[in-house]
PDB file of N, CA and C in Angstrom:
ATOM      1  N   MET A   1     -60.102-179.153 154.937  1.00  0.00           N
ATOM      2  CA  MET A   1     -58.949-179.549 154.176  1.00  0.00           C
ATOM      3  C   MET A   1     -58.860-178.719 152.894  1.00  0.00           C
ATOM      4  N   LEU A   2     -59.932-178.686 152.137  1.00  0.00           N
ATOM      5  CA  LEU A   2     -59.931-177.913 150.889  1.00  0.00           C
ATOM      6  C   LEU A   2     -59.715-176.433 151.184  1.00  0.00           C
ATOM      7  N   GLY A   3     -60.287-175.947 152.262  1.00  0.00           N
ATOM      8  CA  GLY A   3     -60.108-174.551 152.640  1.00  0.00           C
ATOM      9  C   GLY A   3     -58.639-174.209 152.879  1.00  0.00           C
ATOM     10  N   ASN A   4     -57.910-175.108 153.515  1.00  0.00           N
ATOM     11  CA  ASN A   4     -56.485-174.866 153.759  1.00  0.00           C
ATOM     12  C   ASN A   4     -55.687-174.882 152.459  1.00  0.00           C
ATOM     13  N   LEU A   5     -56.021-175.796 151.536  1.00  0.00           N
ATOM     14  CA  LEU A   5     -55.330-175.831 150.244  1.00  0.00           C
ATOM     15  C   LEU A   5     -55.589-174.541 149.462  1.00  0.00           C
ATOM     16  N   LEU A   6     -56.838-174.098 149.472  1.00  0.00           N
ATOM     17  CA  LEU A   6     -57.182-172.864 148.757  1.00  0.00           C
ATOM     18  C   LEU A   6     -56.541-171.639 149.405  1.00  0.00           C
ATOM     19  N   ASP A   7     -56.544-171.580 150.727  1.00  0.00           N
ATOM     20  CA  ASP A   7     -55.929-170.463 151.429  1.00  0.00           C
ATOM     21  C   ASP A   7     -54.456-170.352 151.063  1.00  0.00           C
ATOM     22  N   ASN A   8     -53.774-171.476 151.022  1.00  0.00           N
ATOM     23  CA  ASN A   8     -52.360-171.502 150.668  1.00  0.00           C
ATOM     24  C   ASN A   8     -52.158-171.004 149.233  1.00  0.00           C
ATOM     25  N   ALA A   9     -52.996-171.461 148.317  1.00  0.00           N
ATOM     26  CA  ALA A   9     -52.890-171.026 146.923  1.00  0.00           C
ATOM     27  C   ALA A   9     -53.148-169.526 146.790  1.00  0.00           C
ATOM     28  N   LEU A  10     -54.142-169.016 147.489  1.00  0.00           N
ATOM     29  CA  LEU A  10     -54.471-167.597 147.416  1.00  0.00           C
ATOM     30  C   LEU A  10     -53.330-166.718 147.917  1.00  0.00           C
ATOM     31  N   LYS A  11     -52.599-167.182 148.907  1.00  0.00           N
ATOM     32  CA  LYS A  11     -51.500-166.389 149.471  1.00  0.00           C
ATOM     33  C   LYS A  11     -50.352-166.214 148.483  1.00  0.00           C
ATOM     34  N   TYR A  12     -50.152-167.186 147.596  1.00  0.00           N
ATOM     35  CA  TYR A  12     -48.959-167.168 146.755  1.00  0.00           C
ATOM     36  C   TYR A  12     -49.232-167.029 145.265  1.00  0.00           C
ATOM     37  N   THR A  13     -50.491-166.819 144.886  1.00  0.00           N
ATOM     38  CA  THR A  13     -50.830-166.663 143.478  1.00  0.00           C
ATOM     39  C   THR A  13     -50.944-165.176 143.142  1.00  0.00           C
ATOM     40  N   PRO A  14     -50.221-164.718 142.116  1.00  0.00           N
ATOM     41  CA  PRO A  14     -50.287-163.301 141.753  1.00  0.00           C
ATOM     42  C   PRO A  14     -51.691-162.894 141.304  1.00  0.00           C
ATOM     43  N   LYS A  15     -52.042-161.628 141.547  1.00  0.00           N
ATOM     44  CA  LYS A  15     -53.331-161.106 141.089  1.00  0.00           C
ATOM     45  C   LYS A  15     -53.427-161.262 139.575  1.00  0.00           C
ATOM     46  N   GLY A  16     -54.645-161.550 139.100  1.00  0.00           N
ATOM     47  CA  GLY A  16     -54.880-161.670 137.669  1.00  0.00           C
ATOM     48  C   GLY A  16     -54.574-163.040 137.094  1.00  0.00           C
ATOM     49  N   THR A  17     -54.117-163.970 137.935  1.00  0.00           N
ATOM     50  CA  THR A  17     -53.872-165.339 137.453  1.00  0.00           C
ATOM     51  C   THR A  17     -54.956-166.254 137.998  1.00  0.00           C
ATOM     52  N   HIS A  18     -54.839-167.536 137.727  1.00  0.00           N
ATOM     53  CA  HIS A  18     -55.903-168.466 138.070  1.00  0.00           C
ATOM     54  C   HIS A  18     -55.483-169.493 139.106  1.00  0.00           C
ATOM     55  N   ILE A  19     -56.489-169.945 139.862  1.00  0.00           N
ATOM     56  CA  ILE A  19     -56.370-171.107 140.737  1.00  0.00           C
ATOM     57  C   ILE A  19     -57.408-172.095 140.231  1.00  0.00           C
ATOM     58  N   VAL A  20     -56.984-173.327 140.009  1.00  0.00           N
ATOM     59  CA  VAL A  20     -57.888-174.347 139.480  1.00  0.00           C
ATOM     60  C   VAL A  20     -58.062-175.442 140.533  1.00  0.00           C
ATOM     61  N   VAL A  21     -59.319-175.757 140.836  1.00  0.00           N
ATOM     62  CA  VAL A  21     -59.643-176.820 141.783  1.00  0.00           C
ATOM     63  C   VAL A  21     -60.220-177.987 140.994  1.00  0.00           C
ATOM     64  N   THR A  22     -59.702-179.186 141.249  1.00  0.00           N
ATOM     65  CA  THR A  22     -60.198-180.371 140.560  1.00  0.00           C
ATOM     66  C   THR A  22     -60.554-181.449 141.579  1.00  0.00           C
ATOM     67  N   ALA A  23     -61.454-182.320 141.177  1.00  0.00           N
ATOM     68  CA  ALA A  23     -61.797-183.501 141.970  1.00  0.00           C
ATOM     69  C   ALA A  23     -62.090-184.614 140.977  1.00  0.00           C
ATOM     70  N   LYS A  24     -61.488-185.763 141.206  1.00  0.00           N
ATOM     71  CA  LYS A  24     -61.742-186.889 140.310  1.00  0.00           C
ATOM     72  C   LYS A  24     -61.588-188.195 141.058  1.00  0.00           C
ATOM     73  N   ARG A  25     -62.290-189.176 140.554  1.00  0.00           N
ATOM     74  CA  ARG A  25     -62.204-190.509 141.134  1.00  0.00           C
ATOM     75  C   ARG A  25     -61.052-191.248 140.462  1.00  0.00           C
ATOM     76  N   GLN A  26     -60.178-191.811 141.273  1.00  0.00           N
ATOM     77  CA  GLN A  26     -59.044-192.608 140.799  1.00  0.00           C
ATOM     78  C   GLN A  26     -59.149-193.962 141.472  1.00  0.00           C
ATOM     79  N   GLY A  27     -59.823-194.906 140.819  1.00  0.00           N
ATOM     80  CA  GLY A  27     -60.020-196.215 141.432  1.00  0.00           C
ATOM     81  C   GLY A  27     -60.854-196.088 142.688  1.00  0.00           C
ATOM     82  N   ALA A  28     -60.297-196.517 143.824  1.00  0.00           N
ATOM     83  CA  ALA A  28     -61.015-196.472 145.092  1.00  0.00           C
ATOM     84  C   ALA A  28     -60.809-195.151 145.829  1.00  0.00           C
ATOM     85  N   GLU A  29     -60.138-194.183 145.207  1.00  0.00           N
ATOM     86  CA  GLU A  29     -59.853-192.918 145.862  1.00  0.00           C
ATOM     87  C   GLU A  29     -60.538-191.751 145.154  1.00  0.00           C
ATOM     88  N   ILE A  30     -60.751-190.706 145.915  1.00  0.00           N
ATOM     89  CA  ILE A  30     -61.190-189.431 145.374  1.00  0.00           C
ATOM     90  C   ILE A  30     -59.993-188.499 145.523  1.00  0.00           C
ATOM     91  N   GLU A  31     -59.513-187.950 144.414  1.00  0.00           N
ATOM     92  CA  GLU A  31     -58.362-187.046 144.445  1.00  0.00           C
ATOM     93  C   GLU A  31     -58.828-185.616 144.276  1.00  0.00           C
ATOM     94  N   VAL A  32     -58.418-184.765 145.197  1.00  0.00           N
ATOM     95  CA  VAL A  32     -58.737-183.340 145.151  1.00  0.00           C
ATOM     96  C   VAL A  32     -57.424-182.601 144.916  1.00  0.00           C
ATOM     97  N   GLY A  33     -57.430-181.685 143.949  1.00  0.00           N
ATOM     98  CA  GLY A  33     -56.215-180.951 143.637  1.00  0.00           C
ATOM     99  C   GLY A  33     -56.463-179.456 143.531  1.00  0.00           C
ATOM    100  N   VAL A  34     -55.447-178.675 143.882  1.00  0.00           N
ATOM    101  CA  VAL A  34     -55.484-177.225 143.730  1.00  0.00           C
ATOM    102  C   VAL A  34     -54.211-176.839 142.996  1.00  0.00           C
ATOM    103  N   ARG A  35     -54.372-176.262 141.803  1.00  0.00           N
ATOM    104  CA  ARG A  35     -53.227-175.816 140.998  1.00  0.00           C
ATOM    105  C   ARG A  35     -53.233-174.299 140.981  1.00  0.00           C
ATOM    106  N   ASP A  36     -52.044-173.720 141.202  1.00  0.00           N
ATOM    107  CA  ASP A  36     -51.953-172.270 141.185  1.00  0.00           C
ATOM    108  C   ASP A  36     -50.746-171.827 140.365  1.00  0.00           C
ATOM    109  N   ASN A  37     -50.640-170.529 140.147  1.00  0.00           N
ATOM    110  CA  ASN A  37     -49.535-169.949 139.383  1.00  0.00           C
ATOM    111  C   ASN A  37     -48.533-169.260 140.295  1.00  0.00           C
ATOM    112  N   GLY A  38     -48.392-169.770 141.513  1.00  0.00           N
ATOM    113  CA  GLY A  38     -47.444-169.203 142.467  1.00  0.00           C
ATOM    114  C   GLY A  38     -46.015-169.372 141.986  1.00  0.00           C
ATOM    115  N   PRO A  39     -45.054-168.927 142.790  1.00  0.00           N
ATOM    116  CA  PRO A  39     -43.651-168.920 142.375  1.00  0.00           C
ATOM    117  C   PRO A  39     -42.991-170.297 142.333  1.00  0.00           C
ATOM    118  N   GLY A  40     -43.692-171.313 142.742  1.00  0.00           N
ATOM    119  CA  GLY A  40     -43.098-172.642 142.788  1.00  0.00           C
ATOM    120  C   GLY A  40     -42.302-172.839 144.069  1.00  0.00           C
ATOM    121  N   ILE A  41     -41.869-174.067 144.295  1.00  0.00           N
ATOM    122  CA  ILE A  41     -41.196-174.420 145.539  1.00  0.00           C
ATOM    123  C   ILE A  41     -39.904-175.150 145.200  1.00  0.00           C
ATOM    124  N   PRO A  42     -38.789-174.777 145.820  1.00  0.00           N
ATOM    125  CA  PRO A  42     -37.528-175.474 145.568  1.00  0.00           C
ATOM    126  C   PRO A  42     -37.631-176.960 145.957  1.00  0.00           C
ATOM    127  N   ALA A  43     -36.971-177.808 145.198  1.00  0.00           N
ATOM    128  CA  ALA A  43     -37.030-179.257 145.424  1.00  0.00           C
ATOM    129  C   ALA A  43     -36.645-179.631 146.851  1.00  0.00           C
ATOM    130  N   GLU A  44     -35.668-178.940 147.434  1.00  0.00           N
ATOM    131  CA  GLU A  44     -35.203-179.291 148.775  1.00  0.00           C
ATOM    132  C   GLU A  44     -36.239-178.986 149.861  1.00  0.00           C
ATOM    133  N   ASP A  45     -37.244-178.189 149.548  1.00  0.00           N
ATOM    134  CA  ASP A  45     -38.284-177.865 150.524  1.00  0.00           C
ATOM    135  C   ASP A  45     -39.507-178.767 150.421  1.00  0.00           C
ATOM    136  N   LEU A  46     -39.686-179.456 149.314  1.00  0.00           N
ATOM    137  CA  LEU A  46     -40.910-180.232 149.097  1.00  0.00           C
ATOM    138  C   LEU A  46     -41.165-181.260 150.198  1.00  0.00           C
ATOM    139  N   SER A  47     -40.133-181.950 150.665  1.00  0.00           N
ATOM    140  CA  SER A  47     -40.337-183.004 151.664  1.00  0.00           C
ATOM    141  C   SER A  47     -40.683-182.441 153.042  1.00  0.00           C
ATOM    142  N   HIS A  48     -40.550-181.142 153.244  1.00  0.00           N
ATOM    143  CA  HIS A  48     -40.827-180.530 154.546  1.00  0.00           C
ATOM    144  C   HIS A  48     -42.152-179.778 154.597  1.00  0.00           C
ATOM    145  N   LEU A  49     -42.839-179.628 153.484  1.00  0.00           N
ATOM    146  CA  LEU A  49     -44.021-178.765 153.412  1.00  0.00           C
ATOM    147  C   LEU A  49     -45.132-179.146 154.374  1.00  0.00           C
ATOM    148  N   PHE A  50     -45.244-180.418 154.732  1.00  0.00           N
ATOM    149  CA  PHE A  50     -46.337-180.856 155.593  1.00  0.00           C
ATOM    150  C   PHE A  50     -45.933-180.911 157.061  1.00  0.00           C
ATOM    151  N   GLU A  51     -44.738-180.406 157.383  1.00  0.00           N
ATOM    152  CA  GLU A  51     -44.303-180.327 158.775  1.00  0.00           C
ATOM    153  C   GLU A  51     -44.931-179.101 159.428  1.00  0.00           C
ATOM    154  N   ARG A  52     -45.271-179.226 160.718  1.00  0.00           N
ATOM    155  CA  ARG A  52     -45.851-178.088 161.424  1.00  0.00           C
ATOM    156  C   ARG A  52     -44.863-176.928 161.473  1.00  0.00           C
ATOM    157  N   PHE A  53     -45.377-175.741 161.237  1.00  0.00           N
ATOM    158  CA  PHE A  53     -44.652-174.465 161.319  1.00  0.00           C
ATOM    159  C   PHE A  53     -43.591-174.290 160.234  1.00  0.00           C
ATOM    160  N   TYR A  54     -43.551-175.163 159.230  1.00  0.00           N
ATOM    161  CA  TYR A  54     -42.541-175.037 158.177  1.00  0.00           C
ATOM    162  C   TYR A  54     -42.972-173.965 157.182  1.00  0.00           C
ATOM    163  N   ARG A  55     -42.042-173.106 156.806  1.00  0.00           N
ATOM    164  CA  ARG A  55     -42.276-172.077 155.799  1.00  0.00           C
ATOM    165  C   ARG A  55     -41.105-172.088 154.834  1.00  0.00           C
ATOM    166  N   VAL A  56     -41.384-172.068 153.557  1.00  0.00           N
ATOM    167  CA  VAL A  56     -40.324-172.070 152.553  1.00  0.00           C
ATOM    168  C   VAL A  56     -39.551-170.756 152.621  1.00  0.00           C
ATOM    169  N   ASP A  57     -40.268-169.644 152.579  1.00  0.00           N
ATOM    170  CA  ASP A  57     -39.642-168.320 152.609  1.00  0.00           C
ATOM    171  C   ASP A  57     -40.150-167.602 153.855  1.00  0.00           C
ATOM    172  N   LYS A  58     -39.374-167.637 154.907  1.00  0.00           N
ATOM    173  CA  LYS A  58     -39.811-167.117 156.199  1.00  0.00           C
ATOM    174  C   LYS A  58     -40.259-165.655 156.125  1.00  0.00           C
ATOM    175  N   GLY A  59     -39.519-164.792 155.457  1.00  0.00           N
ATOM    176  CA  GLY A  59     -39.866-163.383 155.364  1.00  0.00           C
ATOM    177  C   GLY A  59     -41.161-163.148 154.619  1.00  0.00           C
ATOM    178  N   ARG A  60     -41.308-163.775 153.484  1.00  0.00           N
ATOM    179  CA  ARG A  60     -42.512-163.601 152.676  1.00  0.00           C
ATOM    180  C   ARG A  60     -43.736-164.169 153.386  1.00  0.00           C
ATOM    181  N   SER A  61     -43.571-165.291 154.067  1.00  0.00           N
ATOM    182  CA  SER A  61     -44.696-165.900 154.762  1.00  0.00           C
ATOM    183  C   SER A  61     -45.244-164.986 155.842  1.00  0.00           C
ATOM    184  N   ARG A  62     -44.373-164.269 156.545  1.00  0.00           N
ATOM    185  CA  ARG A  62     -44.834-163.349 157.577  1.00  0.00           C
ATOM    186  C   ARG A  62     -45.668-162.232 156.965  1.00  0.00           C
ATOM    187  N   GLU A  63     -45.248-161.740 155.795  1.00  0.00           N
ATOM    188  CA  GLU A  63     -46.008-160.691 155.112  1.00  0.00           C
ATOM    189  C   GLU A  63     -47.394-161.181 154.737  1.00  0.00           C
ATOM    190  N   LYS A  64     -47.484-162.435 154.320  1.00  0.00           N
ATOM    191  CA  LYS A  64     -48.747-163.003 153.857  1.00  0.00           C
ATOM    192  C   LYS A  64     -49.603-163.517 155.003  1.00  0.00           C
ATOM    193  N   GLY A  65     -49.057-163.605 156.198  1.00  0.00           N
ATOM    194  CA  GLY A  65     -49.793-164.150 157.331  1.00  0.00           C
ATOM    195  C   GLY A  65     -49.662-165.655 157.388  1.00  0.00           C
ATOM    196  N   GLY A  66     -50.336-166.250 158.334  1.00  0.00           N
ATOM    197  CA  GLY A  66     -50.292-167.698 158.474  1.00  0.00           C
ATOM    198  C   GLY A  66     -49.289-168.135 159.525  1.00  0.00           C
ATOM    199  N   THR A  67     -49.457-169.378 159.941  1.00  0.00           N
ATOM    200  CA  THR A  67     -48.631-169.922 161.017  1.00  0.00           C
ATOM    201  C   THR A  67     -47.720-171.041 160.552  1.00  0.00           C
ATOM    202  N   GLY A  68     -47.895-171.497 159.318  1.00  0.00           N
ATOM    203  CA  GLY A  68     -47.142-172.659 158.879  1.00  0.00           C
ATOM    204  C   GLY A  68     -47.826-173.956 159.281  1.00  0.00           C
ATOM    205  N   LEU A  69     -49.101-173.881 159.606  1.00  0.00           N
ATOM    206  CA  LEU A  69     -49.837-175.080 160.028  1.00  0.00           C
ATOM    207  C   LEU A  69     -50.799-175.614 158.971  1.00  0.00           C
ATOM    208  N   GLY A  70     -51.138-174.821 157.963  1.00  0.00           N
ATOM    209  CA  GLY A  70     -52.184-175.205 157.005  1.00  0.00           C
ATOM    210  C   GLY A  70     -51.971-176.551 156.341  1.00  0.00           C
ATOM    211  N   LEU A  71     -50.803-176.768 155.739  1.00  0.00           N
ATOM    212  CA  LEU A  71     -50.572-178.036 155.043  1.00  0.00           C
ATOM    213  C   LEU A  71     -50.387-179.187 156.017  1.00  0.00           C
ATOM    214  N   SER A  72     -49.897-178.914 157.212  1.00  0.00           N
ATOM    215  CA  SER A  72     -49.797-179.955 158.234  1.00  0.00           C
ATOM    216  C   SER A  72     -51.198-180.430 158.634  1.00  0.00           C
ATOM    217  N   ILE A  73     -52.119-179.490 158.773  1.00  0.00           N
ATOM    218  CA  ILE A  73     -53.508-179.837 159.082  1.00  0.00           C
ATOM    219  C   ILE A  73     -54.111-180.653 157.950  1.00  0.00           C
ATOM    220  N   VAL A  74     -53.858-180.257 156.705  1.00  0.00           N
ATOM    221  CA  VAL A  74     -54.345-181.011 155.547  1.00  0.00           C
ATOM    222  C   VAL A  74     -53.863-182.454 155.634  1.00  0.00           C
ATOM    223  N   LYS A  75     -52.567-182.629 155.864  1.00  0.00           N
ATOM    224  CA  LYS A  75     -51.988-183.981 155.923  1.00  0.00           C
ATOM    225  C   LYS A  75     -52.662-184.820 156.999  1.00  0.00           C
ATOM    226  N   HIS A  76     -52.855-184.251 158.171  1.00  0.00           N
ATOM    227  CA  HIS A  76     -53.443-185.021 159.266  1.00  0.00           C
ATOM    228  C   HIS A  76     -54.908-185.370 159.010  1.00  0.00           C
ATOM    229  N   ILE A  77     -55.671-184.451 158.468  1.00  0.00           N
ATOM    230  CA  ILE A  77     -57.076-184.745 158.138  1.00  0.00           C
ATOM    231  C   ILE A  77     -57.141-185.867 157.110  1.00  0.00           C
ATOM    232  N   VAL A  78     -56.336-185.751 156.070  1.00  0.00           N
ATOM    233  CA  VAL A  78     -56.352-186.748 154.994  1.00  0.00           C
ATOM    234  C   VAL A  78     -55.913-188.114 155.529  1.00  0.00           C
ATOM    235  N   GLN A  79     -54.887-188.151 156.357  1.00  0.00           N
ATOM    236  CA  GLN A  79     -54.409-189.428 156.909  1.00  0.00           C
ATOM    237  C   GLN A  79     -55.458-190.061 157.821  1.00  0.00           C
ATOM    238  N   LEU A  80     -56.207-189.244 158.558  1.00  0.00           N
ATOM    239  CA  LEU A  80     -57.275-189.793 159.396  1.00  0.00           C
ATOM    240  C   LEU A  80     -58.349-190.486 158.565  1.00  0.00           C
ATOM    241  N   HIS A  81     -58.451-190.103 157.307  1.00  0.00           N
ATOM    242  CA  HIS A  81     -59.419-190.729 156.396  1.00  0.00           C
ATOM    243  C   HIS A  81     -58.760-191.783 155.516  1.00  0.00           C
ATOM    244  N   GLY A  82     -57.560-192.208 155.888  1.00  0.00           N
ATOM    245  CA  GLY A  82     -56.879-193.265 155.146  1.00  0.00           C
ATOM    246  C   GLY A  82     -56.254-192.806 153.848  1.00  0.00           C
ATOM    247  N   GLY A  83     -56.014-191.518 153.713  1.00  0.00           N
ATOM    248  CA  GLY A  83     -55.498-190.988 152.458  1.00  0.00           C
ATOM    249  C   GLY A  83     -54.073-190.497 152.562  1.00  0.00           C
ATOM    250  N   ARG A  84     -53.689-189.721 151.556  1.00  0.00           N
ATOM    251  CA  ARG A  84     -52.331-189.178 151.462  1.00  0.00           C
ATOM    252  C   ARG A  84     -52.422-187.784 150.869  1.00  0.00           C
ATOM    253  N   ALA A  85     -51.400-186.973 151.130  1.00  0.00           N
ATOM    254  CA  ALA A  85     -51.350-185.606 150.604  1.00  0.00           C
ATOM    255  C   ALA A  85     -49.976-185.380 150.008  1.00  0.00           C
ATOM    256  N   TRP A  86     -49.899-184.563 148.951  1.00  0.00           N
ATOM    257  CA  TRP A  86     -48.620-184.295 148.314  1.00  0.00           C
ATOM    258  C   TRP A  86     -48.664-182.963 147.574  1.00  0.00           C
ATOM    259  N   VAL A  87     -47.475-182.465 147.249  1.00  0.00           N
ATOM    260  CA  VAL A  87     -47.343-181.245 146.457  1.00  0.00           C
ATOM    261  C   VAL A  87     -46.383-181.548 145.319  1.00  0.00           C
ATOM    262  N   GLU A  88     -46.741-181.113 144.132  1.00  0.00           N
ATOM    263  CA  GLU A  88     -45.865-181.214 142.958  1.00  0.00           C
ATOM    264  C   GLU A  88     -45.503-179.796 142.562  1.00  0.00           C
ATOM    265  N   SER A  89     -44.214-179.494 142.498  1.00  0.00           N
ATOM    266  CA  SER A  89     -43.815-178.132 142.177  1.00  0.00           C
ATOM    267  C   SER A  89     -42.372-178.088 141.714  1.00  0.00           C
ATOM    268  N   THR A  90     -42.086-177.087 140.899  1.00  0.00           N
ATOM    269  CA  THR A  90     -40.732-176.761 140.478  1.00  0.00           C
ATOM    270  C   THR A  90     -40.568-175.267 140.669  1.00  0.00           C
ATOM    271  N   LEU A  91     -39.452-174.838 141.196  1.00  0.00           N
ATOM    272  CA  LEU A  91     -39.213-173.417 141.421  1.00  0.00           C
ATOM    273  C   LEU A  91     -39.400-172.652 140.117  1.00  0.00           C
ATOM    274  N   GLY A  92     -40.210-171.601 140.157  1.00  0.00           N
ATOM    275  CA  GLY A  92     -40.457-170.777 138.983  1.00  0.00           C
ATOM    276  C   GLY A  92     -41.597-171.260 138.107  1.00  0.00           C
ATOM    277  N   LYS A  93     -42.243-172.363 138.482  1.00  0.00           N
ATOM    278  CA  LYS A  93     -43.353-172.895 137.687  1.00  0.00           C
ATOM    279  C   LYS A  93     -44.569-173.096 138.582  1.00  0.00           C
ATOM    280  N   ALA A  94     -45.715-173.317 137.945  1.00  0.00           N
ATOM    281  CA  ALA A  94     -46.954-173.549 138.680  1.00  0.00           C
ATOM    282  C   ALA A  94     -46.809-174.755 139.594  1.00  0.00           C
ATOM    283  N   ARG A  95     -47.630-174.799 140.625  1.00  0.00           N
ATOM    284  CA  ARG A  95     -47.577-175.923 141.549  1.00  0.00           C
ATOM    285  C   ARG A  95     -48.960-176.524 141.715  1.00  0.00           C
ATOM    286  N   ARG A  96     -48.977-177.720 142.240  1.00  0.00           N
ATOM    287  CA  ARG A  96     -50.232-178.422 142.482  1.00  0.00           C
ATOM    288  C   ARG A  96     -50.163-179.057 143.854  1.00  0.00           C
ATOM    289  N   SER A  97     -51.140-178.744 144.697  1.00  0.00           N
ATOM    290  CA  SER A  97     -51.292-179.376 145.999  1.00  0.00           C
ATOM    291  C   SER A  97     -52.445-180.348 145.876  1.00  0.00           C
ATOM    292  N   SER A  98     -52.229-181.584 146.282  1.00  0.00           N
ATOM    293  CA  SER A  98     -53.261-182.599 146.105  1.00  0.00           C
ATOM    294  C   SER A  98     -53.414-183.451 147.346  1.00  0.00           C
ATOM    295  N   SER A  99     -54.565-184.073 147.432  1.00  0.00           N
ATOM    296  CA  SER A  99     -54.797-185.081 148.454  1.00  0.00           C
ATOM    297  C   SER A  99     -55.736-186.115 147.874  1.00  0.00           C
ATOM    298  N   ALA A 100     -55.641-187.315 148.380  1.00  0.00           N
ATOM    299  CA  ALA A 100     -56.524-188.385 147.931  1.00  0.00           C
ATOM    300  C   ALA A 100     -56.966-189.179 149.150  1.00  0.00           C
ATOM    301  N   CYS A 101     -58.240-189.469 149.205  1.00  0.00           N
ATOM    302  CA  CYS A 101     -58.806-190.279 150.282  1.00  0.00           C
ATOM    303  C   CYS A 101     -59.606-191.409 149.673  1.00  0.00           C
ATOM    304  N   ARG A 102     -59.666-192.515 150.406  1.00  0.00           N
ATOM    305  CA  ARG A 102     -60.476-193.636 149.936  1.00  0.00           C
ATOM    306  C   ARG A 102     -61.933-193.224 149.844  1.00  0.00           C
ATOM    307  N   SER A 103     -62.566-193.642 148.791  1.00  0.00           N
ATOM    308  CA  SER A 103     -63.985-193.372 148.610  1.00  0.00           C
ATOM    309  C   SER A 103     -64.783-194.287 149.527  1.00  0.00           C
ATOM    310  N   THR A 104     -65.903-193.772 150.011  1.00  0.00           N
ATOM    311  CA  THR A 104     -66.784-194.596 150.832  1.00  0.00           C
ATOM    312  C   THR A 104     -67.874-195.246 149.988  1.00  0.00           C
ATOM    313  N   CYS A 105     -67.798-195.102 148.672  1.00  0.00           N
ATOM    314  CA  CYS A 105     -68.788-195.735 147.798  1.00  0.00           C
ATOM    315  C   CYS A 105     -68.754-197.240 148.014  1.00  0.00           C
ATOM    316  N   GLY A 106     -69.903-197.824 148.099  1.00  0.00           N
ATOM    317  CA  GLY A 106     -69.995-199.272 148.289  1.00  0.00           C
ATOM    318  C   GLY A 106     -69.975-199.664 149.756  1.00  0.00           C
ATOM    319  N   GLU A 107     -69.687-198.740 150.651  1.00  0.00           N
ATOM    320  CA  GLU A 107     -69.673-199.016 152.074  1.00  0.00           C
ATOM    321  C   GLU A 107     -70.910-198.378 152.693  1.00  0.00           C
ATOM    322  N   ARG A 108     -72.032-199.041 152.577  1.00  0.00           N
ATOM    323  CA  ARG A 108     -73.260-198.481 153.103  1.00  0.00           C
ATOM    324  C   ARG A 108     -74.062-199.542 153.821  1.00  0.00           C
ATOM    325  N   ALA A 109     -74.858-199.087 154.721  1.00  0.00           N
ATOM    326  CA  ALA A 109     -75.694-200.003 155.491  1.00  0.00           C
ATOM    327  C   ALA A 109     -76.811-200.545 154.608  1.00  0.00           C
ATOM    328  N   PRO A 110     -77.255-201.775 154.874  1.00  0.00           N
ATOM    329  CA  PRO A 110     -78.358-202.346 154.089  1.00  0.00           C
ATOM    330  C   PRO A 110     -79.583-201.433 154.147  1.00  0.00           C
ATOM    331  N   GLY A 111     -80.215-201.254 152.993  1.00  0.00           N
ATOM    332  CA  GLY A 111     -81.421-200.443 152.906  1.00  0.00           C
ATOM    333  C   GLY A 111     -81.140-198.944 152.747  1.00  0.00           C
ATOM    334  N   LYS A 112     -79.899-198.543 152.809  1.00  0.00           N
ATOM    335  CA  LYS A 112     -79.555-197.123 152.651  1.00  0.00           C
ATOM    336  C   LYS A 112     -79.212-196.833 151.210  1.00  0.00           C
ATOM    337  N   ARG A 113     -79.514-195.622 150.759  1.00  0.00           N
ATOM    338  CA  ARG A 113     -79.192-195.209 149.391  1.00  0.00           C
ATOM    339  C   ARG A 113     -77.708-194.888 149.279  1.00  0.00           C
ATOM    340  N   ALA A 114     -77.177-195.032 148.066  1.00  0.00           N
ATOM    341  CA  ALA A 114     -75.782-194.707 147.824  1.00  0.00           C
ATOM    342  C   ALA A 114     -75.566-193.210 147.902  1.00  0.00           C
ATOM    343  N   ALA A 115     -74.376-192.821 148.267  1.00  0.00           N
ATOM    344  CA  ALA A 115     -74.023-191.400 148.276  1.00  0.00           C
ATOM    345  C   ALA A 115     -74.050-190.872 146.853  1.00  0.00           C
ATOM    346  N   PRO A 116     -74.301-189.574 146.659  1.00  0.00           N
ATOM    347  CA  PRO A 116     -74.295-188.999 145.296  1.00  0.00           C
ATOM    348  C   PRO A 116     -73.004-189.337 144.559  1.00  0.00           C
ATOM    349  N   GLY A 117     -73.139-189.743 143.322  1.00  0.00           N
ATOM    350  CA  GLY A 117     -71.970-190.078 142.515  1.00  0.00           C
ATOM    351  C   GLY A 117     -71.468-191.501 142.701  1.00  0.00           C
ATOM    352  N   CYS A 118     -72.109-192.280 143.571  1.00  0.00           N
ATOM    353  CA  CYS A 118     -71.658-193.639 143.856  1.00  0.00           C
ATOM    354  C   CYS A 118     -72.483-194.697 143.133  1.00  0.00           C
ATOM    355  N   GLY A 119     -73.376-194.297 142.271  1.00  0.00           N
ATOM    356  CA  GLY A 119     -74.194-195.287 141.565  1.00  0.00           C
ATOM    357  C   GLY A 119     -75.463-195.557 142.335  1.00  0.00           C
ATOM    358  N   SER A 120     -76.107-196.694 142.034  1.00  0.00           N
ATOM    359  CA  SER A 120     -77.417-196.976 142.658  1.00  0.00           C
ATOM    360  C   SER A 120     -77.284-197.517 144.059  1.00  0.00           C
TER     361      SER A 120
END
């Protein structure tokens, strides 16, 4: 999942700029985000980004490679884990691709140690 988010960011971020990866706990969820300095996405395309084979700019996408499946795969992986995926973007401004999944902290078998970051 993270690999697909990063691959997408790398394709559309100009050389010499930054991609920032974040992870944080939000209540019962772990939110993973990838922010890049790409060209942004028009508002009318945002609701279609997680559809299979969808490309915002068909010509540019062919130059950069890819099938239009990366974000669809992200959505399906995240949903299988009870989570959600979204993109925040404005045309001409930086964008953020994020996903959040329920944390498994506190869901452990008796006698087993907690996962790292989940406390004792």
